């Protein structure tokens, strides 16, 4: 798992260093910031927290209260020491802003 995350980290860094942001999903910058906050909230501030520079856009979901509205879902990976986490962030696009509607964190472990 760590090798895959490391490869994603390298690909993401290459993407950032070449300035290729056209393929970045909308709200991805907000998701990276929120990912660090979410891991710190659950486990405390730790200098070993690493956030993947790649945000995967998943299929959108409908607002359960208003079926006309759709929410964007972004998935971001994170590490703390040897533990790997998958985080999903749910955003609503309001004008030019990204409104965080929900978030989830899951530890990726073979128990």
C-alpha atoms as a PDB file:
ATOM      1  CA  UNK A   1       0.000   0.000   0.000  1.00  0.00           C
ATOM      2  CA  UNK A   2       2.752   2.402   0.933  1.00  0.00           C
ATOM      3  CA  UNK A   3       4.410   1.909  -2.476  1.00  0.00           C
ATOM      4  CA  UNK A   4       1.175   2.827  -4.244  1.00  0.00           C
ATOM      5  CA  UNK A   5       0.781   5.927  -2.078  1.00  0.00           C
ATOM      6  CA  UNK A   6       4.422   6.838  -2.726  1.00  0.00           C
ATOM      7  CA  UNK A   7       3.882   6.494  -6.480  1.00  0.00           C
ATOM      8  CA  UNK A   8       0.792   8.703  -6.281  1.00  0.00           C
ATOM      9  CA  UNK A   9       2.787  11.218  -4.270  1.00  0.00           C
ATOM     10  CA  UNK A  10       5.498  11.324  -6.949  1.00  0.00           C
ATOM     11  CA  UNK A  11       2.957  11.652  -9.782  1.00  0.00           C
ATOM     12  CA  UNK A  12       1.194  14.426  -7.890  1.00  0.00           C
ATOM     13  CA  UNK A  13       4.434  16.276  -7.237  1.00  0.00           C
ATOM     14  CA  UNK A  14       5.377  16.014 -10.911  1.00  0.00           C
ATOM     15  CA  UNK A  15       1.964  17.362 -11.864  1.00  0.00           C
ATOM     16  CA  UNK A  16       2.347  20.265  -9.458  1.00  0.00           C
ATOM     17  CA  UNK A  17       5.900  21.031 -10.548  1.00  0.00           C
ATOM     18  CA  UNK A  18       4.956  21.104 -14.237  1.00  0.00           C
ATOM     19  CA  UNK A  19       2.106  23.477 -13.504  1.00  0.00           C
ATOM     20  CA  UNK A  20      -0.506  21.132 -14.949  1.00  0.00           C
ATOM     21  CA  UNK A  21      -3.619  22.096 -13.004  1.00  0.00           C
ATOM     22  CA  UNK A  22      -6.136  21.884 -15.840  1.00  0.00           C
ATOM     23  CA  UNK A  23      -7.074  18.317 -14.883  1.00  0.00           C
ATOM     24  CA  UNK A  24      -7.404  19.095 -11.168  1.00  0.00           C
ATOM     25  CA  UNK A  25     -10.990  18.672 -10.032  1.00  0.00           C
ATOM     26  CA  UNK A  26     -12.781  21.758  -8.789  1.00  0.00           C
ATOM     27  CA  UNK A  27     -12.479  22.129  -4.988  1.00  0.00           C
ATOM     28  CA  UNK A  28      -9.363  19.896  -4.840  1.00  0.00           C
ATOM     29  CA  UNK A  29      -7.260  22.587  -3.137  1.00  0.00           C
ATOM     30  CA  UNK A  30      -9.920  22.905  -0.439  1.00  0.00           C
ATOM     31  CA  UNK A  31      -9.979  19.098  -0.070  1.00  0.00           C
ATOM     32  CA  UNK A  32      -6.210  18.949   0.549  1.00  0.00           C
ATOM     33  CA  UNK A  33      -6.466  21.573   3.303  1.00  0.00           C
ATOM     34  CA  UNK A  34      -9.472  19.836   4.814  1.00  0.00           C
ATOM     35  CA  UNK A  35      -7.721  16.428   4.701  1.00  0.00           C
ATOM     36  CA  UNK A  36      -4.866  17.689   6.869  1.00  0.00           C
ATOM     37  CA  UNK A  37      -7.359  19.232   9.306  1.00  0.00           C
ATOM     38  CA  UNK A  38      -9.383  16.016   9.464  1.00  0.00           C
ATOM     39  CA  UNK A  39      -6.382  13.824  10.274  1.00  0.00           C
ATOM     40  CA  UNK A  40      -5.165  16.333  12.870  1.00  0.00           C
ATOM     41  CA  UNK A  41      -8.651  16.420  14.427  1.00  0.00           C
ATOM     42  CA  UNK A  42      -8.757  12.633  14.789  1.00  0.00           C
ATOM     43  CA  UNK A  43      -5.151  12.005  15.799  1.00  0.00           C
ATOM     44  CA  UNK A  44      -3.745  15.334  16.984  1.00  0.00           C
ATOM     45  CA  UNK A  45      -1.077  17.454  15.375  1.00  0.00           C
ATOM     46  CA  UNK A  46       1.677  15.176  14.120  1.00  0.00           C
ATOM     47  CA  UNK A  47       4.610  16.091  11.877  1.00  0.00           C
ATOM     48  CA  UNK A  48       4.340  12.635  10.244  1.00  0.00           C
ATOM     49  CA  UNK A  49       0.979  13.486   8.604  1.00  0.00           C
ATOM     50  CA  UNK A  50       1.247  13.286   4.802  1.00  0.00           C
ATOM     51  CA  UNK A  51      -1.539  14.151   2.392  1.00  0.00           C
ATOM     52  CA  UNK A  52      -1.571  12.825  -1.161  1.00  0.00           C
ATOM     53  CA  UNK A  53      -1.349  15.635  -3.716  1.00  0.00           C
ATOM     54  CA  UNK A  54      -3.893  13.780  -5.876  1.00  0.00           C
ATOM     55  CA  UNK A  55      -7.644  14.247  -5.440  1.00  0.00           C
ATOM     56  CA  UNK A  56      -9.841  11.735  -7.236  1.00  0.00           C
ATOM     57  CA  UNK A  57     -13.272  12.912  -8.290  1.00  0.00           C
ATOM     58  CA  UNK A  58     -15.888  10.247  -7.617  1.00  0.00           C
ATOM     59  CA  UNK A  59     -19.417  10.146  -9.035  1.00  0.00           C
ATOM     60  CA  UNK A  60     -21.542  12.979  -7.692  1.00  0.00           C
ATOM     61  CA  UNK A  61     -24.379  12.343  -5.255  1.00  0.00           C
ATOM     62  CA  UNK A  62     -27.768  13.997  -5.036  1.00  0.00           C
ATOM     63  CA  UNK A  63     -28.725  16.263  -2.170  1.00  0.00           C
ATOM     64  CA  UNK A  64     -31.126  14.137  -0.071  1.00  0.00           C
ATOM     65  CA  UNK A  65     -33.265  17.198   0.644  1.00  0.00           C
ATOM     66  CA  UNK A  66     -33.323  18.665  -2.885  1.00  0.00           C
ATOM     67  CA  UNK A  67     -33.009  16.078  -5.657  1.00  0.00           C
ATOM     68  CA  UNK A  68     -32.313  18.888  -8.169  1.00  0.00           C
ATOM     69  CA  UNK A  69     -28.932  19.585  -6.529  1.00  0.00           C
ATOM     70  CA  UNK A  70     -25.801  17.472  -6.857  1.00  0.00           C
ATOM     71  CA  UNK A  71     -22.804  17.302  -4.551  1.00  0.00           C
ATOM     72  CA  UNK A  72     -19.242  16.797  -5.755  1.00  0.00           C
ATOM     73  CA  UNK A  73     -17.319  13.970  -4.044  1.00  0.00           C
ATOM     74  CA  UNK A  74     -13.514  14.119  -3.824  1.00  0.00           C
ATOM     75  CA  UNK A  75     -11.316  11.365  -2.417  1.00  0.00           C
ATOM     76  CA  UNK A  76      -7.901  12.125  -0.897  1.00  0.00           C
ATOM     77  CA  UNK A  77      -5.380   9.746   0.668  1.00  0.00           C
ATOM     78  CA  UNK A  78      -3.379  10.384   3.799  1.00  0.00           C
ATOM     79  CA  UNK A  79      -0.703   8.768   5.951  1.00  0.00           C
ATOM     80  CA  UNK A  80       0.372   9.042   9.545  1.00  0.00           C
ATOM     81  CA  UNK A  81       3.565   7.095  10.181  1.00  0.00           C
ATOM     82  CA  UNK A  82       2.533   3.639   8.901  1.00  0.00           C
ATOM     83  CA  UNK A  83      -1.254   4.031   8.918  1.00  0.00           C
ATOM     84  CA  UNK A  84      -3.040   4.836   5.663  1.00  0.00           C
ATOM     85  CA  UNK A  85      -6.384   6.647   5.433  1.00  0.00           C
ATOM     86  CA  UNK A  86      -8.962   7.338   2.755  1.00  0.00           C
ATOM     87  CA  UNK A  87     -10.910  10.562   3.116  1.00  0.00           C
ATOM     88  CA  UNK A  88     -13.904  11.699   1.131  1.00  0.00           C
ATOM     89  CA  UNK A  89     -15.143  15.263   1.011  1.00  0.00           C
ATOM     90  CA  UNK A  90     -18.568  16.289  -0.234  1.00  0.00           C
ATOM     91  CA  UNK A  91     -18.869  19.781  -1.716  1.00  0.00           C
ATOM     92  CA  UNK A  92     -21.640  21.916  -3.134  1.00  0.00           C
ATOM     93  CA  UNK A  93     -20.643  24.534  -5.699  1.00  0.00           C
ATOM     94  CA  UNK A  94     -22.160  27.821  -4.614  1.00  0.00           C
ATOM     95  CA  UNK A  95     -21.272  30.525  -7.136  1.00  0.00           C
ATOM     96  CA  UNK A  96     -17.456  30.347  -7.260  1.00  0.00           C
ATOM     97  CA  UNK A  97     -16.995  28.806  -3.825  1.00  0.00           C
ATOM     98  CA  UNK A  98     -16.809  25.253  -2.520  1.00  0.00           C
ATOM     99  CA  UNK A  99     -19.193  24.655   0.366  1.00  0.00           C
ATOM    100  CA  UNK A 100     -18.161  21.619   2.457  1.00  0.00           C
ATOM    101  CA  UNK A 101     -21.294  19.552   3.119  1.00  0.00           C
ATOM    102  CA  UNK A 102     -19.771  16.379   4.583  1.00  0.00           C
ATOM    103  CA  UNK A 103     -16.637  14.338   5.131  1.00  0.00           C
ATOM    104  CA  UNK A 104     -15.666  10.781   5.953  1.00  0.00           C
ATOM    105  CA  UNK A 105     -12.445   9.106   7.031  1.00  0.00           C
ATOM    106  CA  UNK A 106     -11.626   5.409   6.819  1.00  0.00           C
ATOM    107  CA  UNK A 107      -8.542   3.584   8.009  1.00  0.00           C
ATOM    108  CA  UNK A 108      -7.203   1.218   5.343  1.00  0.00           C
ATOM    109  CA  UNK A 109      -6.210  -1.837   7.326  1.00  0.00           C
ATOM    110  CA  UNK A 110      -6.313  -5.620   6.986  1.00  0.00           C
ATOM    111  CA  UNK A 111      -7.651  -6.632  10.380  1.00  0.00           C
END
